[in-house]
Amino acid sequence: MFWKWQDRKTAEESDSEELSNMSTAKTNAAKAALDYVKNGMCVGLGSGSTVREFIKLLGAEVKNGLEVTCVTTSFDSRMLAIENGIFVTETDAIEEIDLAIDGADKVTRTALLKGGGGALTREKIIAYNAKKFIVIVDESKVQEETLEGPVNLEVLPFAAPLVMQQLKGYNPKIRMAKAKLGPVISDNGSFILDLQMKLENPKKTEEWLKSMPGIIENGIFTRFDTIIIGSEEGYRIL
C-alpha cells in the first residue's frame, strides 16, 4: 500500500508544478498584452483564467495612473474589473472599442475555439466590434494543424431540442451546472450546447452554425489580429 501512496504523492506534486508553470505562462501572456493598451483607450475585457490575470495587471496600471474605459463580456469579468479599480461601462455609453483582449480554449493560426466559460456570445460581440482583437493563451491551447475539440453554442432554450436533432451527428449535449440543479444558464438567459467537431473549414462552419434558427452564437472565432502565447520563460506571437 505504501508504494501506491507514494506514487499518488508524486503525481500530486507533479500536478502542482504543472499548474504553477501554467499560471506563469498565463501571466506572461497577459503581461505581453498590456503593451497594446494605451492611455484613453476603450478596452473590451474577455473572460476566463488568462483574462483574469490580465484584468489584475490592468488594475495595477490603473492604480499607477493609466486611464481606460472598459466593457466586459461576462459578469465574472465585470466584477473582477470593478474589484481592481477599473472603470467599467456598457456598450451604449461608448463610441468604439479600441482593443479587445480575450483568451481561447484552442487556437490555430487561422481560428479559435471559445466558450468553455459560457460567455461566447458577448465575447464575439466585443471581439468582432473592436478595432484590434488580441488573443492570450498558454502553450497548452495551441493546435498546429486542424482545429478540433468542443464547439460551444449558445441556444435559445425553446430551440434546444430542435437544434440538437439537427446536429445529432456531433454528439450535442446541454451543459449541466455543477453548483445548481439543471442546465448552465448563460448571462443572456440561454442554454449552452457542447458539440465535438473537427473543423476542416472553420469559417464555413462558423457561418453555417450561425445561420441555424435557434442558435444565438457559436464559439468558432475566425477574426482576430494577434495571438500571444505565454510560456514559463516568456511569450511568443503565433
Protein backbone atom coordinates (compact mmCIF):
# COMPACT_ATOMS: atom_id res chain seq x y z
CA MET A 1 0.00 0.00 0.00
CA PHE A 2 2.86 2.36 0.75
CA TRP A 3 4.14 2.41 -2.85
CA LYS A 4 0.67 3.32 -4.11
CA TRP A 5 0.50 6.27 -1.71
CA GLN A 6 4.00 7.30 -2.70
CA ASP A 7 3.07 7.28 -6.41
CA ARG A 8 -0.02 9.30 -5.65
CA LYS A 9 2.01 11.88 -3.77
CA THR A 10 4.46 12.16 -6.65
CA ALA A 11 1.59 12.67 -9.07
CA GLU A 12 0.10 15.39 -6.88
CA GLU A 13 3.45 17.16 -6.68
CA SER A 14 3.79 16.88 -10.45
CA ASP A 15 0.27 18.31 -10.94
CA SER A 16 1.09 21.18 -8.59
CA GLU A 17 4.24 22.00 -10.53
CA GLU A 18 2.37 21.83 -13.83
CA LEU A 19 -0.33 24.18 -12.55
CA SER A 20 2.33 26.59 -11.31
CA ASN A 21 4.03 26.58 -14.72
CA MET A 22 0.67 27.12 -16.45
CA SER A 23 -0.12 30.04 -14.15
CA THR A 24 3.23 31.62 -15.01
CA ALA A 25 2.53 31.14 -18.71
CA LYS A 26 -0.88 32.79 -18.41
CA THR A 27 0.64 35.73 -16.53
CA ASN A 28 3.37 36.17 -19.16
CA ALA A 29 0.77 36.23 -21.95
CA ALA A 30 -1.26 38.79 -20.00
CA LYS A 31 1.80 40.98 -19.39
CA ALA A 32 2.57 40.98 -23.12
CA ALA A 33 -0.98 42.10 -23.91
CA LEU A 34 -0.57 45.13 -21.64
CA ASP A 35 1.84 46.61 -24.20
CA TYR A 36 -1.14 47.12 -26.54
CA VAL A 37 -3.10 49.20 -24.02
CA LYS A 38 -2.69 52.96 -24.37
CA ASN A 39 -3.97 55.82 -22.25
CA GLY A 40 -7.53 56.86 -23.05
CA MET A 41 -8.49 53.59 -24.76
CA CYS A 42 -11.78 51.75 -24.51
CA VAL A 43 -10.80 48.13 -23.83
CA GLY A 44 -13.03 45.10 -24.21
CA LEU A 45 -12.33 42.56 -21.48
CA GLY A 46 -12.91 38.91 -22.32
CA SER A 47 -13.48 36.10 -19.85
CA GLY A 48 -11.55 33.14 -18.48
CA SER A 49 -8.49 32.35 -16.40
CA THR A 50 -5.89 34.08 -18.59
CA VAL A 51 -8.02 37.21 -18.92
CA ARG A 52 -8.41 37.26 -15.15
CA GLU A 53 -4.62 37.63 -14.94
CA PHE A 54 -4.79 40.45 -17.48
CA ILE A 55 -7.52 42.25 -15.53
CA LYS A 56 -5.45 42.14 -12.35
CA LEU A 57 -2.41 43.54 -14.17
CA LEU A 58 -4.53 46.21 -15.85
CA GLY A 59 -5.94 47.19 -12.46
CA ALA A 60 -2.40 47.73 -11.16
CA GLU A 61 -1.66 50.01 -14.13
CA VAL A 62 -4.85 51.96 -13.47
CA LYS A 63 -3.75 52.50 -9.87
CA ASN A 64 -0.49 53.88 -11.29
CA GLY A 65 -2.34 56.46 -13.40
CA LEU A 66 -3.42 54.70 -16.61
CA GLU A 67 -6.83 55.93 -17.77
CA VAL A 68 -9.01 53.42 -19.62
CA THR A 69 -12.69 52.66 -20.02
CA CYS A 70 -13.69 49.01 -20.20
CA VAL A 71 -16.63 46.97 -21.42
CA THR A 72 -16.86 43.39 -20.27
CA THR A 73 -18.06 40.09 -21.75
CA SER A 74 -19.36 38.50 -18.53
CA PHE A 75 -20.48 39.25 -15.02
CA ASP A 76 -17.35 37.46 -13.84
CA SER A 77 -15.02 39.85 -15.68
CA ARG A 78 -17.14 42.87 -14.75
CA MET A 79 -17.00 42.06 -11.05
CA LEU A 80 -13.24 41.42 -11.14
CA ALA A 81 -12.56 44.62 -13.07
CA ILE A 82 -14.54 46.74 -10.62
CA GLU A 83 -12.82 44.98 -7.72
CA ASN A 84 -9.48 46.03 -9.24
CA GLY A 85 -10.44 49.68 -9.60
CA ILE A 86 -11.10 49.66 -13.36
CA PHE A 87 -13.86 51.89 -14.74
CA VAL A 88 -16.49 49.69 -16.40
CA THR A 89 -19.35 50.89 -18.56
CA GLU A 90 -21.87 49.50 -21.06
CA THR A 91 -21.83 49.34 -24.85
CA ASP A 92 -24.45 52.08 -25.19
CA ALA A 93 -22.13 54.55 -23.44
CA ILE A 94 -19.15 54.20 -25.79
CA GLU A 95 -18.45 55.20 -29.38
CA GLU A 96 -15.98 52.45 -30.24
CA ILE A 97 -13.85 49.67 -28.77
CA ASP A 98 -10.17 50.32 -29.42
CA LEU A 99 -8.89 46.97 -28.21
CA ALA A 100 -10.31 43.63 -27.10
CA ILE A 101 -8.30 41.16 -25.02
CA ASP A 102 -9.59 37.61 -24.62
CA GLY A 103 -8.43 34.04 -24.16
CA ALA A 104 -9.34 30.86 -26.03
CA ASP A 105 -9.83 27.16 -25.42
CA LYS A 106 -7.99 26.08 -28.60
CA VAL A 107 -6.09 28.09 -31.22
CA THR A 108 -4.51 27.65 -34.63
CA ARG A 109 -3.09 30.34 -36.91
CA THR A 110 -6.48 30.79 -38.57
CA ALA A 111 -9.19 30.13 -35.97
CA LEU A 112 -10.08 29.85 -32.30
CA LEU A 113 -12.44 27.75 -30.21
CA LYS A 114 -14.02 29.67 -27.35
CA GLY A 115 -16.97 29.35 -25.00
CA GLY A 116 -15.75 26.99 -22.30
CA GLY A 117 -16.88 29.56 -19.75
CA GLY A 118 -20.24 30.05 -21.45
CA ALA A 119 -19.65 33.71 -22.41
CA LEU A 120 -19.12 33.15 -26.15
CA THR A 121 -21.88 35.45 -27.43
CA ARG A 122 -20.76 38.55 -25.58
CA GLU A 123 -17.13 37.62 -26.27
CA LYS A 124 -17.75 37.56 -30.02
CA ILE A 125 -19.77 40.77 -29.96
CA ILE A 126 -16.93 42.61 -28.23
CA ALA A 127 -14.12 40.96 -30.21
CA TYR A 128 -15.68 41.42 -33.65
CA ASN A 129 -16.55 45.06 -32.95
CA ALA A 130 -13.10 46.03 -31.67
CA LYS A 131 -10.54 47.80 -33.85
CA LYS A 132 -7.96 45.23 -32.70
CA PHE A 133 -8.54 41.82 -31.11
CA ILE A 134 -5.65 40.26 -29.18
CA VAL A 135 -5.86 36.63 -28.04
CA ILE A 136 -3.86 35.48 -25.00
CA VAL A 137 -3.28 31.80 -24.23
CA ASP A 138 -0.70 29.40 -22.83
CA GLU A 139 1.08 26.72 -24.86
CA SER A 140 -1.43 24.01 -23.91
CA LYS A 141 -4.10 25.73 -26.05
CA VAL A 142 -2.16 25.62 -29.33
CA GLN A 143 -3.04 23.17 -32.12
CA GLU A 144 -0.68 23.13 -35.07
CA GLU A 145 -2.97 21.80 -37.80
CA THR A 146 -6.73 21.20 -37.92
CA LEU A 147 -8.78 22.77 -35.16
CA GLU A 148 -10.52 20.02 -33.22
CA GLY A 149 -12.39 19.83 -29.93
CA PRO A 150 -15.51 21.09 -28.15
CA VAL A 151 -17.54 23.62 -30.14
CA ASN A 152 -19.84 25.57 -27.83
CA LEU A 153 -23.17 27.03 -28.87
CA GLU A 154 -25.45 29.47 -27.09
CA VAL A 155 -29.00 28.39 -27.88
CA LEU A 156 -32.50 29.58 -27.03
CA PRO A 157 -33.95 27.03 -24.55
CA PHE A 158 -37.09 26.73 -26.70
CA ALA A 159 -35.00 25.76 -29.72
CA ALA A 160 -32.50 23.48 -27.99
CA PRO A 161 -34.23 20.13 -28.76
CA LEU A 162 -34.61 21.06 -32.43
CA VAL A 163 -31.02 22.26 -32.75
CA MET A 164 -29.76 19.09 -31.08
CA GLN A 165 -31.74 16.98 -33.54
CA GLN A 166 -30.21 18.80 -36.50
CA LEU A 167 -26.70 18.41 -35.05
CA LYS A 168 -27.06 14.87 -33.71
CA GLY A 169 -24.03 13.74 -35.71
CA TYR A 170 -21.82 15.87 -33.47
CA ASN A 171 -22.96 14.38 -30.15
CA PRO A 172 -24.60 17.58 -28.81
CA LYS A 173 -25.12 17.85 -25.07
CA ILE A 174 -26.75 20.51 -22.93
CA ARG A 175 -24.14 21.68 -20.46
CA MET A 176 -25.26 20.89 -16.93
CA ALA A 177 -24.48 23.07 -13.94
CA LYS A 178 -22.34 21.89 -11.04
CA ALA A 179 -23.41 24.39 -8.38
CA LYS A 180 -27.15 24.39 -9.18
CA LEU A 181 -29.77 21.98 -10.42
CA GLY A 182 -30.35 21.72 -14.14
CA PRO A 183 -28.51 23.26 -17.08
CA VAL A 184 -25.99 26.07 -17.15
CA ILE A 185 -27.74 29.36 -17.92
CA SER A 186 -25.69 31.97 -19.75
CA ASP A 187 -25.52 35.65 -18.78
CA ASN A 188 -28.11 36.13 -21.54
CA GLY A 189 -30.52 33.57 -20.10
CA SER A 190 -29.82 30.85 -22.67
CA PHE A 191 -28.59 27.23 -22.75
CA ILE A 192 -25.07 26.20 -23.72
CA LEU A 193 -24.68 23.20 -26.03
CA ASP A 194 -21.36 21.37 -26.38
CA LEU A 195 -20.50 19.61 -29.65
CA GLN A 196 -17.48 17.60 -30.75
CA MET A 197 -16.20 18.75 -34.15
CA LYS A 198 -13.16 18.60 -36.40
CA LEU A 199 -13.04 21.85 -38.34
CA GLU A 200 -11.57 21.47 -41.81
CA ASN A 201 -13.04 24.86 -42.76
CA PRO A 202 -13.65 26.90 -39.57
CA LYS A 203 -15.02 29.97 -41.36
CA LYS A 204 -17.58 27.96 -43.30
CA THR A 205 -18.64 26.04 -40.18
CA GLU A 206 -18.91 29.27 -38.17
CA GLU A 207 -21.24 30.74 -40.79
CA TRP A 208 -23.25 27.51 -41.12
CA LEU A 209 -23.91 27.27 -37.38
CA LYS A 210 -24.73 30.98 -37.23
CA SER A 211 -27.40 30.51 -39.92
CA MET A 212 -29.30 27.83 -37.98
CA PRO A 213 -32.50 29.15 -36.31
CA GLY A 214 -32.31 28.97 -32.53
CA ILE A 215 -28.52 29.24 -32.33
CA ILE A 216 -27.66 32.66 -30.93
CA GLU A 217 -23.92 32.28 -31.41
CA ASN A 218 -21.16 29.70 -31.74
CA GLY A 219 -17.68 29.52 -30.27
CA ILE A 220 -15.75 29.41 -33.55
CA PHE A 221 -13.82 32.67 -34.00
CA THR A 222 -12.12 33.41 -37.32
CA ARG A 223 -11.45 37.14 -36.96
CA PHE A 224 -8.55 38.27 -34.77
CA ASP A 225 -5.32 40.23 -35.11
CA THR A 226 -2.69 38.65 -32.88
CA ILE A 227 -2.30 35.53 -30.76
CA ILE A 228 0.09 35.83 -27.81
CA ILE A 229 1.27 32.50 -26.42
CA GLY A 230 2.66 32.63 -22.90
CA SER A 231 5.21 30.17 -21.56
CA GLU A 232 7.15 29.69 -18.35
CA GLU A 233 10.06 31.63 -19.90
CA GLY A 234 8.12 34.45 -21.56
CA TYR A 235 5.89 34.65 -24.61
CA ARG A 236 5.80 34.36 -28.39
CA ILE A 237 3.49 35.51 -31.18
CA LEU A 238 1.83 32.75 -33.19
